[in-house]
Amino acid sequence: FPVIDNDELAKLIHVNADGNQPGFASHVVRGLFPVQGGGEALANRITEIRLEVSQAIKDGAHIIVLSDRDGDAEDAPIPSLLLTAAVHHHLIREKTRTKVGLIVESGEVREVHHVALLVGFGAAAINPYLAMESAEDLVRQGVITGIAPEKAVRNLIKALGKGVLKVMSKMGISTIAS
């Protein structure tokens, strides 16, 4: 499935933390922009991110994580589909797209459609952290009963993954790589 949980994402981000896997270096991109600047600040931040990703590839990164975590009143998240598409197409123009895998860590992913679009726009894996945290919270509050929080997250991942497979099968696609 293209959907990964927080632990799997952490493993990918820290894959070379001990220096034993130099071929798998990762780089986390902060996908936020200053709200006060409006649309111009958004466009400028996307340009900065493109340059940051290009430099990360030159520095040896093979995994790029596009993250919208830690947004606040001053820094808003760039829409994940816009960010993914901008980076994906930039890398295609630079002829470096095949050198890296794009992983999206987004709080706005909630539905199968969101995951399918991100995969279609170049994401190799998606971490819908807010949906997972919401599922865990619903179990802890007793809204969902008879299940452990970890199982609720696993069920969410399975549902999103199977939904993406169903969308792909209706399009005649049998694997994510296709």
N, C-alpha and C. Protein backbone atom coordinates (compact mmCIF):
# COMPACT_ATOMS: atom_id res chain seq x y z
N PHE A 1 0.83 -1.19 0.00
CA PHE A 1 0.00 0.00 0.00
C PHE A 1 0.87 1.25 0.00
N PRO A 2 0.43 2.30 -0.63
CA PRO A 2 1.22 3.54 -0.66
C PRO A 2 1.10 4.36 0.62
N VAL A 3 0.26 3.93 1.55
CA VAL A 3 0.05 4.68 2.79
C VAL A 3 0.93 4.07 3.88
N ILE A 4 1.70 4.94 4.56
CA ILE A 4 2.59 4.47 5.62
C ILE A 4 2.24 5.17 6.93
N ASP A 5 2.54 4.49 8.03
CA ASP A 5 2.25 5.09 9.34
C ASP A 5 3.44 5.92 9.82
N ASN A 6 3.28 6.52 10.97
CA ASN A 6 4.30 7.42 11.51
C ASN A 6 5.62 6.70 11.79
N ASP A 7 5.55 5.46 12.27
CA ASP A 7 6.77 4.70 12.56
C ASP A 7 7.53 4.38 11.28
N GLU A 8 6.81 3.98 10.24
CA GLU A 8 7.45 3.68 8.96
C GLU A 8 8.09 4.93 8.37
N LEU A 9 7.41 6.06 8.51
CA LEU A 9 7.96 7.32 8.02
C LEU A 9 9.23 7.68 8.78
N ALA A 10 9.22 7.50 10.10
CA ALA A 10 10.41 7.80 10.91
C ALA A 10 11.59 6.93 10.50
N LYS A 11 11.32 5.67 10.18
CA LYS A 11 12.40 4.78 9.72
C LYS A 11 13.00 5.30 8.41
N LEU A 12 12.15 5.77 7.52
CA LEU A 12 12.64 6.29 6.24
C LEU A 12 13.42 7.59 6.43
N ILE A 13 12.94 8.45 7.30
CA ILE A 13 13.63 9.72 7.54
C ILE A 13 15.00 9.48 8.17
N HIS A 14 15.08 8.51 9.07
CA HIS A 14 16.32 8.25 9.80
C HIS A 14 17.05 7.01 9.28
N VAL A 15 16.83 6.67 8.02
CA VAL A 15 17.39 5.44 7.46
C VAL A 15 18.92 5.43 7.53
N ASN A 16 19.54 6.58 7.46
CA ASN A 16 21.00 6.64 7.49
C ASN A 16 21.51 7.36 8.73
N ALA A 17 20.76 7.32 9.81
CA ALA A 17 21.14 8.04 11.03
C ALA A 17 22.48 7.56 11.59
N ASP A 18 22.76 6.28 11.45
CA ASP A 18 24.02 5.75 11.97
C ASP A 18 25.13 5.72 10.93
N GLY A 19 24.84 6.14 9.71
CA GLY A 19 25.85 6.20 8.66
C GLY A 19 26.09 4.91 7.92
N ASN A 20 25.31 3.88 8.22
CA ASN A 20 25.51 2.57 7.59
C ASN A 20 24.84 2.44 6.22
N GLN A 21 23.96 3.35 5.89
CA GLN A 21 23.21 3.28 4.63
C GLN A 21 23.37 4.56 3.81
N PRO A 22 24.57 4.90 3.37
CA PRO A 22 24.77 6.17 2.67
C PRO A 22 23.98 6.30 1.38
N GLY A 23 23.61 5.20 0.77
CA GLY A 23 22.82 5.24 -0.46
C GLY A 23 21.37 5.58 -0.22
N PHE A 24 20.96 5.66 1.03
CA PHE A 24 19.56 5.93 1.34
C PHE A 24 19.37 7.18 2.17
N ALA A 25 20.18 8.18 1.96
CA ALA A 25 20.05 9.44 2.70
C ALA A 25 18.70 10.08 2.38
N SER A 26 18.11 10.70 3.39
CA SER A 26 16.82 11.37 3.20
C SER A 26 16.93 12.85 3.54
N HIS A 27 15.95 13.59 3.05
CA HIS A 27 15.91 15.03 3.32
C HIS A 27 14.44 15.41 3.53
N VAL A 28 14.16 16.10 4.63
CA VAL A 28 12.80 16.54 4.93
C VAL A 28 12.64 18.00 4.51
N VAL A 29 11.63 18.26 3.70
CA VAL A 29 11.34 19.61 3.22
C VAL A 29 10.15 20.14 4.01
N ARG A 30 10.32 21.30 4.57
CA ARG A 30 9.24 21.96 5.34
C ARG A 30 8.32 22.65 4.35
N GLY A 31 7.14 22.10 4.13
CA GLY A 31 6.19 22.61 3.15
C GLY A 31 5.25 23.65 3.72
N LEU A 32 5.81 24.69 4.30
CA LEU A 32 5.02 25.78 4.89
C LEU A 32 5.44 27.10 4.25
N PHE A 33 4.53 28.06 4.26
CA PHE A 33 4.86 29.40 3.74
C PHE A 33 4.30 30.45 4.68
N PRO A 34 4.91 31.65 4.72
CA PRO A 34 4.42 32.71 5.62
C PRO A 34 3.07 33.26 5.14
N VAL A 35 2.09 33.20 6.01
CA VAL A 35 0.73 33.61 5.67
C VAL A 35 0.66 35.09 5.30
N GLN A 36 1.41 35.92 6.00
CA GLN A 36 1.36 37.37 5.77
C GLN A 36 1.68 37.77 4.34
N GLY A 37 2.49 36.96 3.66
CA GLY A 37 2.91 37.29 2.30
C GLY A 37 1.91 36.96 1.22
N GLY A 38 0.86 36.20 1.57
CA GLY A 38 -0.16 35.85 0.60
C GLY A 38 0.35 34.97 -0.53
N GLY A 39 -0.25 35.14 -1.71
CA GLY A 39 0.08 34.33 -2.86
C GLY A 39 1.51 34.47 -3.33
N GLU A 40 2.05 35.67 -3.19
CA GLU A 40 3.44 35.90 -3.59
C GLU A 40 4.40 35.10 -2.71
N ALA A 41 4.12 35.06 -1.42
CA ALA A 41 4.96 34.29 -0.50
C ALA A 41 4.86 32.79 -0.80
N LEU A 42 3.66 32.35 -1.17
CA LEU A 42 3.47 30.95 -1.54
C LEU A 42 4.32 30.60 -2.77
N ALA A 43 4.25 31.43 -3.79
CA ALA A 43 5.02 31.20 -5.02
C ALA A 43 6.52 31.23 -4.74
N ASN A 44 6.95 32.18 -3.91
CA ASN A 44 8.37 32.27 -3.56
C ASN A 44 8.83 31.04 -2.79
N ARG A 45 7.98 30.57 -1.87
CA ARG A 45 8.36 29.40 -1.06
C ARG A 45 8.45 28.15 -1.94
N ILE A 46 7.56 28.01 -2.91
CA ILE A 46 7.63 26.86 -3.81
C ILE A 46 8.93 26.90 -4.61
N THR A 47 9.33 28.08 -5.05
CA THR A 47 10.61 28.22 -5.76
C THR A 47 11.77 27.84 -4.84
N GLU A 48 11.74 28.29 -3.59
CA GLU A 48 12.78 27.93 -2.62
C GLU A 48 12.83 26.42 -2.41
N ILE A 49 11.67 25.80 -2.32
CA ILE A 49 11.60 24.36 -2.10
C ILE A 49 12.20 23.60 -3.28
N ARG A 50 11.89 24.07 -4.48
CA ARG A 50 12.47 23.42 -5.67
C ARG A 50 14.00 23.46 -5.62
N LEU A 51 14.55 24.62 -5.26
CA LEU A 51 16.01 24.74 -5.16
C LEU A 51 16.56 23.87 -4.02
N GLU A 52 15.84 23.83 -2.91
CA GLU A 52 16.26 23.02 -1.77
C GLU A 52 16.30 21.53 -2.14
N VAL A 53 15.30 21.07 -2.86
CA VAL A 53 15.25 19.66 -3.27
C VAL A 53 16.39 19.36 -4.25
N SER A 54 16.63 20.26 -5.18
CA SER A 54 17.73 20.07 -6.13
C SER A 54 19.07 19.97 -5.41
N GLN A 55 19.27 20.83 -4.42
CA GLN A 55 20.51 20.80 -3.64
C GLN A 55 20.60 19.52 -2.82
N ALA A 56 19.48 19.07 -2.26
CA ALA A 56 19.48 17.84 -1.47
C ALA A 56 19.88 16.65 -2.34
N ILE A 57 19.42 16.63 -3.58
CA ILE A 57 19.80 15.55 -4.49
C ILE A 57 21.29 15.61 -4.79
N LYS A 58 21.80 16.82 -5.01
CA LYS A 58 23.25 16.98 -5.25
C LYS A 58 24.06 16.52 -4.04
N ASP A 59 23.48 16.71 -2.84
CA ASP A 59 24.16 16.31 -1.61
C ASP A 59 23.99 14.83 -1.30
N GLY A 60 23.27 14.09 -2.15
CA GLY A 60 23.16 12.65 -1.99
C GLY A 60 21.85 12.11 -1.47
N ALA A 61 20.84 12.94 -1.29
CA ALA A 61 19.55 12.45 -0.80
C ALA A 61 18.86 11.60 -1.86
N HIS A 62 18.29 10.48 -1.43
CA HIS A 62 17.54 9.61 -2.33
C HIS A 62 16.07 9.53 -1.93
N ILE A 63 15.77 10.07 -0.77
CA ILE A 63 14.39 10.11 -0.28
C ILE A 63 14.09 11.55 0.11
N ILE A 64 13.05 12.12 -0.50
CA ILE A 64 12.62 13.48 -0.18
C ILE A 64 11.26 13.38 0.50
N VAL A 65 11.17 13.93 1.70
CA VAL A 65 9.90 13.93 2.45
C VAL A 65 9.35 15.35 2.39
N LEU A 66 8.17 15.49 1.79
CA LEU A 66 7.49 16.78 1.72
C LEU A 66 6.51 16.83 2.87
N SER A 67 6.80 17.64 3.87
CA SER A 67 6.04 17.64 5.11
C SER A 67 5.34 18.97 5.36
N ASP A 68 4.08 18.89 5.83
CA ASP A 68 3.37 20.11 6.21
C ASP A 68 3.15 20.17 7.73
N ARG A 69 3.92 19.40 8.47
CA ARG A 69 3.79 19.43 9.94
C ARG A 69 4.22 20.79 10.49
N ASP A 70 3.73 21.09 11.67
CA ASP A 70 4.11 22.27 12.44
C ASP A 70 3.61 23.58 11.85
N GLY A 71 2.53 23.54 11.09
CA GLY A 71 1.92 24.78 10.65
C GLY A 71 1.30 25.51 11.84
N ASP A 72 1.26 26.83 11.76
CA ASP A 72 0.68 27.63 12.84
C ASP A 72 0.08 28.90 12.24
N ALA A 73 -0.20 29.87 13.07
CA ALA A 73 -0.84 31.11 12.60
C ALA A 73 0.06 31.91 11.66
N GLU A 74 1.37 31.76 11.79
CA GLU A 74 2.30 32.49 10.93
C GLU A 74 2.66 31.73 9.66
N ASP A 75 2.76 30.41 9.77
CA ASP A 75 3.17 29.57 8.64
C ASP A 75 2.08 28.57 8.30
N ALA A 76 1.51 28.72 7.11
CA ALA A 76 0.45 27.82 6.66
C ALA A 76 1.01 26.72 5.78
N PRO A 77 0.37 25.55 5.80
CA PRO A 77 0.84 24.47 4.93
C PRO A 77 0.55 24.76 3.46
N ILE A 78 1.50 24.44 2.61
CA ILE A 78 1.26 24.49 1.18
C ILE A 78 0.39 23.28 0.85
N PRO A 79 -0.68 23.43 0.07
CA PRO A 79 -1.50 22.25 -0.28
C PRO A 79 -0.62 21.12 -0.82
N SER A 80 -0.82 19.93 -0.28
CA SER A 80 0.08 18.82 -0.58
C SER A 80 0.11 18.45 -2.06
N LEU A 81 -1.00 18.53 -2.74
CA LEU A 81 -1.01 18.21 -4.16
C LEU A 81 -0.21 19.24 -4.96
N LEU A 82 -0.35 20.51 -4.62
CA LEU A 82 0.42 21.56 -5.27
C LEU A 82 1.91 21.37 -5.03
N LEU A 83 2.28 21.10 -3.80
CA LEU A 83 3.69 20.92 -3.45
C LEU A 83 4.28 19.70 -4.15
N THR A 84 3.56 18.59 -4.12
CA THR A 84 4.04 17.37 -4.75
C THR A 84 4.21 17.56 -6.26
N ALA A 85 3.21 18.14 -6.89
CA ALA A 85 3.27 18.36 -8.33
C ALA A 85 4.40 19.31 -8.69
N ALA A 86 4.57 20.38 -7.92
CA ALA A 86 5.63 21.36 -8.21
C ALA A 86 7.01 20.71 -8.13
N VAL A 87 7.25 19.92 -7.09
CA VAL A 87 8.54 19.26 -6.94
C VAL A 87 8.73 18.19 -8.01
N HIS A 88 7.70 17.38 -8.24
CA HIS A 88 7.77 16.30 -9.23
C HIS A 88 8.10 16.85 -10.62
N HIS A 89 7.38 17.86 -11.06
CA HIS A 89 7.61 18.41 -12.39
C HIS A 89 8.95 19.16 -12.49
N HIS A 90 9.35 19.79 -11.41
CA HIS A 90 10.67 20.44 -11.38
C HIS A 90 11.77 19.40 -11.59
N LEU A 91 11.65 18.27 -10.90
CA LEU A 91 12.67 17.23 -11.01
C LEU A 91 12.66 16.59 -12.40
N ILE A 92 11.49 16.49 -13.00
CA ILE A 92 11.42 15.98 -14.37
C ILE A 92 12.14 16.93 -15.32
N ARG A 93 11.90 18.23 -15.16
CA ARG A 93 12.58 19.22 -16.01
C ARG A 93 14.10 19.17 -15.83
N GLU A 94 14.54 18.91 -14.59
CA GLU A 94 15.97 18.81 -14.30
C GLU A 94 16.57 17.46 -14.67
N LYS A 95 15.71 16.53 -15.02
CA LYS A 95 16.13 15.15 -15.34
C LYS A 95 16.75 14.45 -14.13
N THR A 96 16.22 14.75 -12.95
CA THR A 96 16.71 14.09 -11.73
C THR A 96 15.59 13.34 -11.01
N ARG A 97 14.42 13.24 -11.62
CA ARG A 97 13.27 12.63 -10.93
C ARG A 97 13.52 11.18 -10.57
N THR A 98 14.22 10.45 -11.39
CA THR A 98 14.44 9.03 -11.11
C THR A 98 15.46 8.78 -10.01
N LYS A 99 16.12 9.83 -9.55
CA LYS A 99 17.13 9.68 -8.50
C LYS A 99 16.54 9.67 -7.10
N VAL A 100 15.29 10.09 -6.94
CA VAL A 100 14.70 10.21 -5.61
C VAL A 100 13.28 9.65 -5.57
N GLY A 101 12.90 9.27 -4.37
CA GLY A 101 11.51 8.92 -4.10
C GLY A 101 10.88 10.05 -3.31
N LEU A 102 9.65 10.41 -3.67
CA LEU A 102 8.93 11.47 -2.95
C LEU A 102 7.95 10.84 -1.97
N ILE A 103 8.03 11.28 -0.73
CA ILE A 103 7.11 10.85 0.31
C ILE A 103 6.40 12.08 0.82
N VAL A 104 5.09 12.00 0.96
CA VAL A 104 4.29 13.14 1.40
C VAL A 104 3.79 12.87 2.81
N GLU A 105 4.09 13.79 3.72
CA GLU A 105 3.58 13.76 5.09
C GLU A 105 2.60 14.91 5.20
N SER A 106 1.30 14.58 5.22
CA SER A 106 0.30 15.65 5.13
C SER A 106 -0.85 15.45 6.10
N GLY A 107 -1.29 16.56 6.65
CA GLY A 107 -2.45 16.55 7.52
C GLY A 107 -3.76 16.68 6.76
N GLU A 108 -3.70 17.03 5.49
CA GLU A 108 -4.94 17.23 4.74
C GLU A 108 -5.44 15.96 4.05
N VAL A 109 -4.65 14.90 4.06
CA VAL A 109 -5.07 13.65 3.43
C VAL A 109 -6.04 12.93 4.35
N ARG A 110 -7.26 12.72 3.87
CA ARG A 110 -8.29 12.07 4.67
C ARG A 110 -9.02 10.98 3.90
N GLU A 111 -9.01 11.03 2.60
CA GLU A 111 -9.83 10.14 1.79
C GLU A 111 -8.98 9.40 0.76
N VAL A 112 -9.57 8.35 0.21
CA VAL A 112 -8.93 7.58 -0.84
C VAL A 112 -8.58 8.48 -2.02
N HIS A 113 -9.46 9.39 -2.36
CA HIS A 113 -9.24 10.29 -3.49
C HIS A 113 -7.96 11.10 -3.30
N HIS A 114 -7.74 11.59 -2.09
CA HIS A 114 -6.53 12.36 -1.80
C HIS A 114 -5.27 11.52 -2.04
N VAL A 115 -5.28 10.29 -1.56
CA VAL A 115 -4.13 9.41 -1.73
C VAL A 115 -3.91 9.10 -3.21
N ALA A 116 -4.99 8.80 -3.92
CA ALA A 116 -4.88 8.47 -5.35
C ALA A 116 -4.30 9.64 -6.14
N LEU A 117 -4.74 10.85 -5.84
CA LEU A 117 -4.21 12.02 -6.55
C LEU A 117 -2.73 12.22 -6.26
N LEU A 118 -2.34 12.07 -5.01
CA LEU A 118 -0.92 12.26 -4.67
C LEU A 118 -0.05 11.21 -5.36
N VAL A 119 -0.52 9.97 -5.42
CA VAL A 119 0.22 8.93 -6.14
C VAL A 119 0.30 9.29 -7.62
N GLY A 120 -0.81 9.77 -8.18
CA GLY A 120 -0.84 10.16 -9.58
C GLY A 120 0.08 11.33 -9.89
N PHE A 121 0.34 12.17 -8.91
CA PHE A 121 1.21 13.33 -9.11
C PHE A 121 2.63 13.09 -8.64
N GLY A 122 2.99 11.84 -8.38
CA GLY A 122 4.39 11.52 -8.16
C GLY A 122 4.80 11.04 -6.78
N ALA A 123 3.88 10.97 -5.83
CA ALA A 123 4.26 10.50 -4.49
C ALA A 123 4.42 8.99 -4.48
N ALA A 124 5.51 8.52 -3.90
CA ALA A 124 5.73 7.08 -3.77
C ALA A 124 5.02 6.54 -2.53
N ALA A 125 4.90 7.37 -1.50
CA ALA A 125 4.23 6.98 -0.27
C ALA A 125 3.63 8.22 0.38
N ILE A 126 2.56 7.98 1.16
CA ILE A 126 1.85 9.08 1.81
C ILE A 126 1.67 8.73 3.28
N ASN A 127 1.91 9.71 4.14
CA ASN A 127 1.68 9.56 5.57
C ASN A 127 0.61 10.56 5.99
N PRO A 128 -0.66 10.10 6.12
CA PRO A 128 -1.73 11.01 6.55
C PRO A 128 -1.77 11.12 8.07
N TYR A 129 -0.80 11.82 8.63
CA TYR A 129 -0.61 11.82 10.08
C TYR A 129 -1.83 12.31 10.85
N LEU A 130 -2.52 13.31 10.35
CA LEU A 130 -3.66 13.85 11.09
C LEU A 130 -4.83 12.86 11.12
N ALA A 131 -5.07 12.17 10.01
CA ALA A 131 -6.13 11.16 9.98
C ALA A 131 -5.81 10.02 10.95
N MET A 132 -4.54 9.65 11.02
CA MET A 132 -4.14 8.58 11.95
C MET A 132 -4.29 9.02 13.39
N GLU A 133 -3.86 10.24 13.68
CA GLU A 133 -4.00 10.76 15.05
C GLU A 133 -5.47 10.90 15.42
N SER A 134 -6.31 11.27 14.46
CA SER A 134 -7.76 11.38 14.71
C SER A 134 -8.36 10.01 15.03
N ALA A 135 -7.96 8.98 14.28
CA ALA A 135 -8.47 7.63 14.54
C ALA A 135 -8.06 7.17 15.93
N GLU A 136 -6.80 7.41 16.30
CA GLU A 136 -6.34 7.04 17.64
C GLU A 136 -7.12 7.79 18.71
N ASP A 137 -7.36 9.07 18.48
CA ASP A 137 -8.07 9.90 19.46
C ASP A 137 -9.53 9.44 19.62
N LEU A 138 -10.17 9.05 18.52
CA LEU A 138 -11.55 8.56 18.60
C LEU A 138 -11.64 7.29 19.43
N VAL A 139 -10.64 6.44 19.34
CA VAL A 139 -10.61 5.22 20.17
C VAL A 139 -10.42 5.60 21.63
N ARG A 140 -9.49 6.51 21.88
CA ARG A 140 -9.20 6.90 23.27
C ARG A 140 -10.39 7.60 23.93
N GLN A 141 -11.18 8.33 23.15
CA GLN A 141 -12.35 9.02 23.69
C GLN A 141 -13.55 8.09 23.84
N GLY A 142 -13.46 6.89 23.30
CA GLY A 142 -14.55 5.93 23.40
C GLY A 142 -15.58 6.04 22.30
N VAL A 143 -15.36 6.88 21.32
CA VAL A 143 -16.28 7.00 20.19
C VAL A 143 -16.25 5.71 19.37
N ILE A 144 -15.04 5.16 19.20
CA ILE A 144 -14.87 3.86 18.56
C ILE A 144 -14.48 2.89 19.66
N THR A 145 -15.25 1.80 19.79
CA THR A 145 -14.99 0.86 20.89
C THR A 145 -14.61 -0.51 20.35
N GLY A 146 -14.01 -1.32 21.22
CA GLY A 146 -13.66 -2.69 20.88
C GLY A 146 -12.43 -2.83 20.00
N ILE A 147 -11.60 -1.82 20.01
CA ILE A 147 -10.41 -1.84 19.15
C ILE A 147 -9.31 -1.01 19.82
N ALA A 148 -8.09 -1.41 19.60
CA ALA A 148 -6.94 -0.66 20.13
C ALA A 148 -6.61 0.49 19.17
N PRO A 149 -6.03 1.57 19.69
CA PRO A 149 -5.67 2.69 18.81
C PRO A 149 -4.77 2.28 17.65
N GLU A 150 -3.83 1.37 17.90
CA GLU A 150 -2.92 0.92 16.85
C GLU A 150 -3.67 0.18 15.75
N LYS A 151 -4.67 -0.60 16.16
CA LYS A 151 -5.49 -1.34 15.19
C LYS A 151 -6.34 -0.38 14.36
N ALA A 152 -6.80 0.70 14.98
CA ALA A 152 -7.58 1.71 14.25
C ALA A 152 -6.72 2.34 13.15
N VAL A 153 -5.47 2.61 13.45
CA VAL A 153 -4.54 3.16 12.45
C VAL A 153 -4.30 2.14 11.35
N ARG A 154 -4.08 0.88 11.72
CA ARG A 154 -3.87 -0.18 10.72
C ARG A 154 -5.10 -0.30 9.81
N ASN A 155 -6.29 -0.21 10.41
CA ASN A 155 -7.52 -0.29 9.62
C ASN A 155 -7.62 0.88 8.64
N LEU A 156 -7.24 2.07 9.08
CA LEU A 156 -7.26 3.23 8.21
C LEU A 156 -6.30 3.04 7.04
N ILE A 157 -5.10 2.57 7.33
CA ILE A 157 -4.11 2.34 6.27
C ILE A 157 -4.62 1.30 5.28
N LYS A 158 -5.20 0.24 5.80
CA LYS A 158 -5.72 -0.82 4.94
C LYS A 158 -6.86 -0.30 4.07
N ALA A 159 -7.76 0.48 4.66
CA ALA A 159 -8.90 1.02 3.90
C ALA A 159 -8.43 1.97 2.80
N LEU A 160 -7.50 2.86 3.14
CA LEU A 160 -6.98 3.79 2.13
C LEU A 160 -6.24 3.03 1.03
N GLY A 161 -5.44 2.05 1.41
CA GLY A 161 -4.70 1.26 0.43
C GLY A 161 -5.61 0.48 -0.50
N LYS A 162 -6.61 -0.18 0.07
CA LYS A 162 -7.55 -0.95 -0.77
C LYS A 162 -8.37 -0.02 -1.65
N GLY A 163 -8.70 1.15 -1.14
CA GLY A 163 -9.44 2.12 -1.95
C GLY A 163 -8.63 2.59 -3.15
N VAL A 164 -7.34 2.83 -2.94
CA VAL A 164 -6.46 3.23 -4.05
C VAL A 164 -6.38 2.10 -5.07
N LEU A 165 -6.26 0.86 -4.60
CA LEU A 165 -6.22 -0.27 -5.52
C LEU A 165 -7.50 -0.37 -6.34
N LYS A 166 -8.63 -0.08 -5.72
CA LYS A 166 -9.90 -0.12 -6.44
C LYS A 166 -9.96 0.97 -7.51
N VAL A 167 -9.51 2.17 -7.16
CA VAL A 167 -9.46 3.27 -8.14
C VAL A 167 -8.57 2.88 -9.31
N MET A 168 -7.40 2.33 -8.99
CA MET A 168 -6.47 1.94 -10.05
C MET A 168 -7.04 0.84 -10.93
N SER A 169 -7.71 -0.14 -10.32
CA SER A 169 -8.25 -1.24 -11.11
C SER A 169 -9.34 -0.76 -12.08
N LYS A 170 -10.09 0.24 -11.67
CA LYS A 170 -11.11 0.79 -12.57
C LYS A 170 -10.47 1.53 -13.74
N MET A 171 -9.22 1.97 -13.54
CA MET A 171 -8.49 2.65 -14.62
C MET A 171 -7.67 1.67 -15.44
N GLY A 172 -7.64 0.40 -15.04
CA GLY A 172 -6.86 -0.58 -15.76
C GLY A 172 -5.40 -0.63 -15.34
N ILE A 173 -5.12 -0.11 -14.15
CA ILE A 173 -3.74 -0.10 -13.63
C ILE A 173 -3.65 -1.19 -12.57
N SER A 174 -2.61 -2.01 -12.66
CA SER A 174 -2.51 -3.13 -11.72
C SER A 174 -1.48 -2.92 -10.63
N THR A 175 -0.54 -2.00 -10.81
CA THR A 175 0.47 -1.74 -9.76
C THR A 175 0.69 -0.24 -9.61
N ILE A 176 1.16 0.15 -8.44
CA ILE A 176 1.45 1.57 -8.18
C ILE A 176 2.49 2.08 -9.18
N ALA A 177 3.47 1.25 -9.50
CA ALA A 177 4.52 1.67 -10.44
C ALA A 177 3.95 2.02 -11.81
N SER A 178 2.84 1.42 -12.17
CA SER A 178 2.22 1.74 -13.47
C SER A 178 1.59 3.11 -13.46
